[in-house]
């Protein structure tokens, strides 16, 4: 049977001119492997100089570059590199350049890092048996998954393998596993390119807008805790966290202002880094779940349209009104601290 790491690894290699038309030989026979130009996921050896990329051997502990925490300390990756991770380590930047030849060096590096964090790492972790939830500390109850997700790439690749009892109605035999492997490899490539396209064509262009907003934050408000985007819809959270680290921003930014598709101004709370729902500073409790004129009266600000019951987002008819909402929320929040 085959798994996502070798299917993806083969697709990555085939993006390079040297291997674009190379056939795949699926074997564990050493004499067969010796004749191959490059070997991944079998053979028991990782040696880049010899184009050997296995990860199953004893003592193997290759990992992607470490993460840098908010305080500047280093965090080692949770997973070792699988076959596709090793291929990506050595050839990932070349693959990115093949699809985006005009991308400059710094942006290639950024895309390379983001692709690993957003796509490659989960393939490595699943293949090497890393649980998505850490083991509980002593004295603490284990966290249980509330549902199981079988829609991910690794699971979909697994379902490409011929079933134990599957018979091809045309031939009366077990389906061709090599043909199914090609289907799985193509599937991996489609998912990889979908993520790469999002990163290069949406995520990276947004970074300059976020950086401009961060550097101009004191022009919006003297506190430096409110930023404004020219429009909504751009991916901003990860860029904001990264830029706060880069520029060593203190105090951290609390609110983001932007317009929605209807032209209404929104005020959105910045969530705590690494958390989906915990805000750095939520909108005032008195505003939550209140709308329109009632909200305008409670807040003492003209043009208010709504405040979500969870206190993470609100709206106003004008920029000036949204900015005033942010300023008042800052004041109220700090008084309550």
Protein backbone atom coordinates (compact mmCIF):
# COMPACT_ATOMS: atom_id res chain seq x y z
CA UNK A 1 0.00 0.00 0.00
CA UNK A 2 1.03 3.64 -0.38
CA UNK A 3 0.61 6.73 1.76
CA UNK A 4 0.46 10.48 1.25
CA UNK A 5 4.12 11.16 1.98
CA UNK A 6 5.52 9.13 -0.93
CA UNK A 7 2.68 10.15 -3.27
CA UNK A 8 3.33 13.83 -2.52
CA UNK A 9 7.11 13.35 -2.64
CA UNK A 10 6.88 11.91 -6.15
CA UNK A 11 4.66 14.77 -7.30
CA UNK A 12 7.10 17.34 -5.90
CA UNK A 13 10.03 15.74 -7.72
CA UNK A 14 8.09 15.66 -10.99
CA UNK A 15 7.74 19.45 -10.86
CA UNK A 16 11.48 19.68 -11.52
CA UNK A 17 12.77 19.48 -15.12
CA UNK A 18 15.15 16.65 -14.21
CA UNK A 19 12.36 14.32 -13.06
CA UNK A 20 9.35 15.68 -14.95
CA UNK A 21 8.97 12.62 -17.19
CA UNK A 22 10.47 10.05 -14.86
CA UNK A 23 8.55 6.78 -14.35
CA UNK A 24 7.93 5.54 -10.81
CA UNK A 25 9.29 2.17 -9.70
CA UNK A 26 7.53 0.98 -6.53
CA UNK A 27 9.79 -1.61 -4.94
CA UNK A 28 11.70 -2.50 -1.79
CA UNK A 29 14.18 -4.77 -3.57
CA UNK A 30 17.71 -3.37 -3.00
CA UNK A 31 18.93 -4.47 -6.43
CA UNK A 32 16.02 -2.59 -8.04
CA UNK A 33 16.57 0.50 -5.91
CA UNK A 34 20.25 0.58 -6.87
CA UNK A 35 19.21 1.23 -10.47
CA UNK A 36 16.98 4.22 -9.61
CA UNK A 37 18.13 7.81 -10.07
CA UNK A 38 16.53 8.90 -6.79
CA UNK A 39 14.89 6.90 -3.97
CA UNK A 40 12.29 8.09 -1.46
CA UNK A 41 10.53 6.40 1.48
CA UNK A 42 12.38 3.08 1.16
CA UNK A 43 15.94 1.81 1.43
CA UNK A 44 16.70 2.67 5.06
CA UNK A 45 19.08 5.55 4.24
CA UNK A 46 18.87 9.33 4.22
CA UNK A 47 21.81 10.79 2.30
CA UNK A 48 21.17 13.85 0.15
CA UNK A 49 24.51 13.49 -1.62
CA UNK A 50 23.39 10.07 -2.89
CA UNK A 51 19.77 11.14 -3.53
CA UNK A 52 18.44 8.71 -0.90
CA UNK A 53 15.51 9.96 1.18
CA UNK A 54 14.14 7.37 3.61
CA UNK A 55 12.99 8.16 7.15
CA UNK A 56 12.28 4.74 8.68
CA UNK A 57 15.79 3.88 9.91
CA UNK A 58 16.78 3.72 13.58
CA UNK A 59 18.29 6.93 14.93
CA UNK A 60 16.63 9.12 12.33
CA UNK A 61 15.61 12.52 13.74
CA UNK A 62 15.49 15.02 10.89
CA UNK A 63 13.11 17.96 11.41
CA UNK A 64 12.20 21.16 9.60
CA UNK A 65 13.62 24.47 10.80
CA UNK A 66 12.55 25.34 14.34
CA UNK A 67 9.78 27.79 15.13
CA UNK A 68 10.53 31.07 16.90
CA UNK A 69 8.19 31.85 19.80
CA UNK A 70 6.87 35.33 20.61
CA UNK A 71 9.54 35.77 23.29
CA UNK A 72 12.31 34.89 20.83
CA UNK A 73 12.95 31.40 22.19
CA UNK A 74 13.21 28.40 19.88
CA UNK A 75 10.50 25.72 19.65
CA UNK A 76 11.44 22.42 18.05
CA UNK A 77 9.01 20.93 15.57
CA UNK A 78 6.62 18.30 16.88
CA UNK A 79 7.33 15.92 14.02
CA UNK A 80 10.20 14.34 12.14
CA UNK A 81 10.32 14.74 8.37
CA UNK A 82 8.61 12.05 6.33
CA UNK A 83 9.64 11.23 2.76
CA UNK A 84 7.76 14.22 1.36
CA UNK A 85 9.21 16.42 4.11
CA UNK A 86 12.74 15.44 3.10
CA UNK A 87 11.98 16.10 -0.56
CA UNK A 88 10.48 19.46 0.37
CA UNK A 89 13.49 20.35 2.54
CA UNK A 90 15.88 19.98 -0.40
CA UNK A 91 13.71 20.81 -3.42
CA UNK A 92 10.76 22.82 -2.09
CA UNK A 93 12.13 26.23 -3.05
CA UNK A 94 12.87 24.96 -6.57
CA UNK A 95 9.29 23.68 -6.85
CA UNK A 96 7.95 27.07 -5.78
CA UNK A 97 10.17 28.82 -8.36
CA UNK A 98 8.95 26.46 -11.10
CA UNK A 99 5.40 27.65 -10.53
CA UNK A 100 6.25 31.27 -9.66
CA UNK A 101 9.50 32.14 -11.49
CA UNK A 102 9.10 35.90 -10.90
CA UNK A 103 8.88 35.57 -7.12
CA UNK A 104 11.90 37.25 -5.51
CA UNK A 105 14.23 35.56 -3.03
CA UNK A 106 12.70 36.89 0.20
CA UNK A 107 9.19 35.97 -0.91
CA UNK A 108 10.33 32.49 -1.97
CA UNK A 109 11.72 32.01 1.54
CA UNK A 110 8.48 33.25 3.08
CA UNK A 111 6.33 31.04 0.83
CA UNK A 112 8.62 28.06 1.59
CA UNK A 113 8.14 28.53 5.34
CA UNK A 114 4.40 29.14 5.09
CA UNK A 115 3.86 26.10 2.86
CA UNK A 116 5.52 23.88 5.43
CA UNK A 117 3.53 25.35 8.31
CA UNK A 118 0.21 25.27 6.45
CA UNK A 119 0.51 22.08 4.42
CA UNK A 120 3.62 19.93 4.65
CA UNK A 121 3.89 19.63 8.44
CA UNK A 122 0.57 17.83 8.83
CA UNK A 123 1.58 15.26 6.20
CA UNK A 124 4.81 14.64 8.13
CA UNK A 125 3.02 14.42 11.48
CA UNK A 126 0.36 11.98 10.30
CA UNK A 127 2.89 9.76 8.56
CA UNK A 128 5.22 9.65 11.57
CA UNK A 129 2.44 9.08 14.11
CA UNK A 130 2.28 12.40 15.95
CA UNK A 131 -1.02 12.93 17.79
CA UNK A 132 -2.72 16.29 17.09
CA UNK A 133 -3.35 16.74 20.84
CA UNK A 134 -0.39 16.45 23.26
CA UNK A 135 -0.48 13.81 25.99
CA UNK A 136 -1.98 15.15 29.25
CA UNK A 137 0.30 16.32 32.01
CA UNK A 138 0.36 14.29 35.20
CA UNK A 139 -2.75 14.91 37.24
CA UNK A 140 -4.71 16.31 34.31
CA UNK A 141 -7.51 14.58 32.43
CA UNK A 142 -6.84 13.68 28.80
CA UNK A 143 -8.55 15.82 26.18
CA UNK A 144 -10.88 13.76 24.01
CA UNK A 145 -11.67 14.52 20.38
CA UNK A 146 -15.33 15.41 19.93
CA UNK A 147 -15.36 14.24 16.32
CA UNK A 148 -13.06 12.52 13.83
CA UNK A 149 -12.08 14.15 10.53
CA UNK A 150 -11.41 11.74 7.64
CA UNK A 151 -11.51 14.37 4.91
CA UNK A 152 -7.83 15.35 5.02
CA UNK A 153 -5.33 14.60 2.27
CA UNK A 154 -3.64 11.70 4.06
CA UNK A 155 -7.00 9.96 4.57
CA UNK A 156 -8.07 10.56 0.97
CA UNK A 157 -4.79 9.15 -0.33
CA UNK A 158 -5.27 6.10 1.89
CA UNK A 159 -8.64 5.47 0.26
CA UNK A 160 -6.98 5.37 -3.17
CA UNK A 161 -5.39 2.04 -2.27
CA UNK A 162 -7.26 -0.98 -3.63
CA UNK A 163 -9.57 -2.32 -0.95
CA UNK A 164 -8.82 -5.73 0.52
CA UNK A 165 -11.80 -7.24 -1.30
CA UNK A 166 -11.94 -5.00 -4.38
CA UNK A 167 -12.14 -6.61 -7.81
CA UNK A 168 -11.93 -4.80 -11.13
CA UNK A 169 -15.11 -5.75 -12.99
CA UNK A 170 -13.32 -5.49 -16.35
CA UNK A 171 -10.34 -7.73 -15.58
CA UNK A 172 -11.69 -9.78 -12.71
CA UNK A 173 -8.47 -9.00 -10.83
CA UNK A 174 -7.35 -6.69 -8.04
CA UNK A 175 -7.06 -3.11 -9.34
CA UNK A 176 -3.61 -1.93 -10.43
CA UNK A 177 -1.98 -0.36 -7.35
CA UNK A 178 0.55 1.53 -9.49
CA UNK A 179 -2.26 3.21 -11.42
CA UNK A 180 -3.99 4.11 -8.17
CA UNK A 181 -0.70 5.56 -6.90
CA UNK A 182 -0.62 7.94 -9.87
CA UNK A 183 -4.16 9.06 -9.02
CA UNK A 184 -3.10 9.68 -5.41
CA UNK A 185 0.04 11.56 -6.45
CA UNK A 186 -1.98 13.82 -8.74
CA UNK A 187 -4.43 14.44 -5.90
CA UNK A 188 -1.55 15.49 -3.64
CA UNK A 189 -0.33 17.88 -6.31
CA UNK A 190 -3.74 19.49 -6.68
CA UNK A 191 -3.90 20.14 -2.94
CA UNK A 192 -0.32 21.42 -2.81
CA UNK A 193 -0.93 23.86 -5.67
CA UNK A 194 -4.21 25.03 -4.15
CA UNK A 195 -2.39 25.99 -0.95
CA UNK A 196 0.60 27.47 -2.80
CA UNK A 197 -1.71 29.58 -4.98
CA UNK A 198 -3.47 30.93 -1.88
CA UNK A 199 -0.17 31.78 -0.19
CA UNK A 200 1.55 33.40 -3.18
CA UNK A 201 -1.42 35.10 -4.83
CA UNK A 202 -3.46 36.10 -1.76
CA UNK A 203 -1.52 35.80 1.47
CA UNK A 204 1.82 37.32 0.46
CA UNK A 205 0.36 40.36 -1.39
CA UNK A 206 -1.65 41.15 1.75
CA UNK A 207 1.52 41.38 3.85
CA UNK A 208 2.52 44.80 2.48
CA UNK A 209 -0.91 46.23 3.39
CA UNK A 210 -0.65 44.85 6.91
CA UNK A 211 2.90 46.17 7.28
CA UNK A 212 1.84 49.64 6.14
CA UNK A 213 -1.02 49.59 8.63
CA UNK A 214 1.31 48.53 11.43
CA UNK A 215 3.96 51.17 10.69
CA UNK A 216 1.27 53.91 10.41
CA UNK A 217 -0.64 52.86 13.53
CA UNK A 218 0.26 55.97 15.56
CA UNK A 219 -1.26 58.15 12.84
CA UNK A 220 -4.58 56.38 13.50
CA UNK A 221 -4.44 56.70 17.27
CA UNK A 222 -1.66 57.79 19.66
CA UNK A 223 -1.99 54.53 21.59
CA UNK A 224 -0.64 52.55 18.63
CA UNK A 225 -3.16 49.82 19.46
CA UNK A 226 -5.53 50.41 16.53
CA UNK A 227 -4.76 49.78 12.85
CA UNK A 228 -6.76 50.42 9.66
CA UNK A 229 -6.89 48.45 6.41
CA UNK A 230 -8.04 50.01 3.12
CA UNK A 231 -10.63 47.22 2.73
CA UNK A 232 -11.74 43.97 4.29
CA UNK A 233 -11.22 40.43 3.08
CA UNK A 234 -7.44 40.35 3.12
CA UNK A 235 -5.75 37.70 5.29
CA UNK A 236 -4.10 39.65 8.07
CA UNK A 237 -3.82 37.76 11.36
CA UNK A 238 -0.65 35.74 10.80
CA UNK A 239 1.07 38.69 9.15
CA UNK A 240 0.16 40.88 12.11
CA UNK A 241 1.62 38.44 14.64
CA UNK A 242 4.81 38.05 12.61
CA UNK A 243 5.23 41.81 12.14
CA UNK A 244 4.64 42.46 15.84
CA UNK A 245 7.53 40.10 16.59
CA UNK A 246 9.68 41.62 13.84
CA UNK A 247 9.14 45.21 15.00
CA UNK A 248 9.01 44.26 18.71
CA UNK A 249 5.71 46.12 19.11
CA UNK A 250 4.59 46.94 22.64
CA UNK A 251 1.80 47.38 23.52
CA UNK A 252 0.29 44.86 21.15
CA UNK A 253 -2.38 45.89 18.66
CA UNK A 254 -5.92 45.33 19.97
CA UNK A 255 -8.30 46.38 17.18
CA UNK A 256 -8.43 46.31 13.38
CA UNK A 257 -10.70 48.61 11.34
CA UNK A 258 -11.80 47.87 7.76
CA UNK A 259 -14.82 48.08 5.45
CA UNK A 260 -17.00 45.11 4.55
CA UNK A 261 -18.44 44.39 1.08
CA UNK A 262 -21.42 46.65 1.77
CA UNK A 263 -19.16 49.56 2.70
CA UNK A 264 -19.88 49.40 6.45
CA UNK A 265 -16.94 49.93 8.75
CA UNK A 266 -16.04 47.05 11.03
CA UNK A 267 -14.05 46.96 14.25
CA UNK A 268 -12.57 43.54 14.92
CA UNK A 269 -10.67 42.44 18.00
CA UNK A 270 -7.25 40.87 17.53
CA UNK A 271 -7.25 37.41 19.05
CA UNK A 272 -4.51 36.15 21.34
CA UNK A 273 -1.80 34.57 19.20
CA UNK A 274 -2.35 30.84 18.93
CA UNK A 275 -5.98 31.09 20.09
CA UNK A 276 -9.03 31.12 17.86
CA UNK A 277 -11.57 32.76 20.16
CA UNK A 278 -9.74 34.52 23.00
CA UNK A 279 -9.38 38.25 22.29
CA UNK A 280 -6.60 40.49 23.52
CA UNK A 281 -9.28 42.99 24.48
CA UNK A 282 -12.95 42.28 23.72
CA UNK A 283 -15.51 44.98 23.04
CA UNK A 284 -17.34 46.26 26.17
CA UNK A 285 -19.87 43.91 27.74
CA UNK A 286 -22.59 46.58 27.64
CA UNK A 287 -22.39 46.67 23.83
CA UNK A 288 -22.62 42.95 23.15
CA UNK A 289 -25.72 41.78 21.33
CA UNK A 290 -27.06 45.33 20.97
CA UNK A 291 -27.83 46.88 17.56
CA UNK A 292 -28.39 50.17 15.73
CA UNK A 293 -29.89 53.07 17.71
CA UNK A 294 -29.91 51.10 20.94
CA UNK A 295 -26.17 50.47 20.57
CA UNK A 296 -25.51 54.09 19.64
CA UNK A 297 -27.22 55.17 22.86
CA UNK A 298 -25.41 52.62 25.03
CA UNK A 299 -22.01 53.43 23.51
CA UNK A 300 -22.63 57.16 23.14
CA UNK A 301 -21.34 56.97 19.55
CA UNK A 302 -23.31 57.91 16.44
CA UNK A 303 -23.73 55.44 13.57
CA UNK A 304 -23.27 52.17 15.48
CA UNK A 305 -24.85 49.22 13.65
CA UNK A 306 -24.10 46.16 15.76
CA UNK A 307 -21.86 44.43 18.29
CA UNK A 308 -21.63 40.65 18.20
CA UNK A 309 -22.84 38.86 21.32
CA UNK A 310 -19.37 37.35 21.77
CA UNK A 311 -17.80 40.82 21.72
CA UNK A 312 -15.23 40.13 19.00
CA UNK A 313 -16.60 42.35 16.21
CA UNK A 314 -18.80 45.41 15.76
CA UNK A 315 -19.86 47.85 13.07
CA UNK A 316 -20.43 51.52 12.36
CA UNK A 317 -21.68 53.51 9.37
CA UNK A 318 -18.52 55.66 9.23
CA UNK A 319 -14.79 55.38 9.73
CA UNK A 320 -14.92 58.09 12.38
CA UNK A 321 -17.57 56.13 14.26
CA UNK A 322 -15.65 52.85 14.08
CA UNK A 323 -12.49 54.61 15.27
CA UNK A 324 -14.37 56.13 18.19
CA UNK A 325 -15.73 52.68 19.08
CA UNK A 326 -12.15 51.37 19.17
CA UNK A 327 -10.95 54.26 21.31
CA UNK A 328 -13.80 53.89 23.79
CA UNK A 329 -13.34 50.10 23.91
CA UNK A 330 -9.64 50.62 24.66
CA UNK A 331 -10.43 53.02 27.49
CA UNK A 332 -13.14 50.78 29.00
CA UNK A 333 -10.99 47.70 28.70
CA UNK A 334 -8.01 49.26 30.42
CA UNK A 335 -10.18 50.63 33.21
CA UNK A 336 -11.47 47.10 33.84
CA UNK A 337 -8.01 45.49 33.90
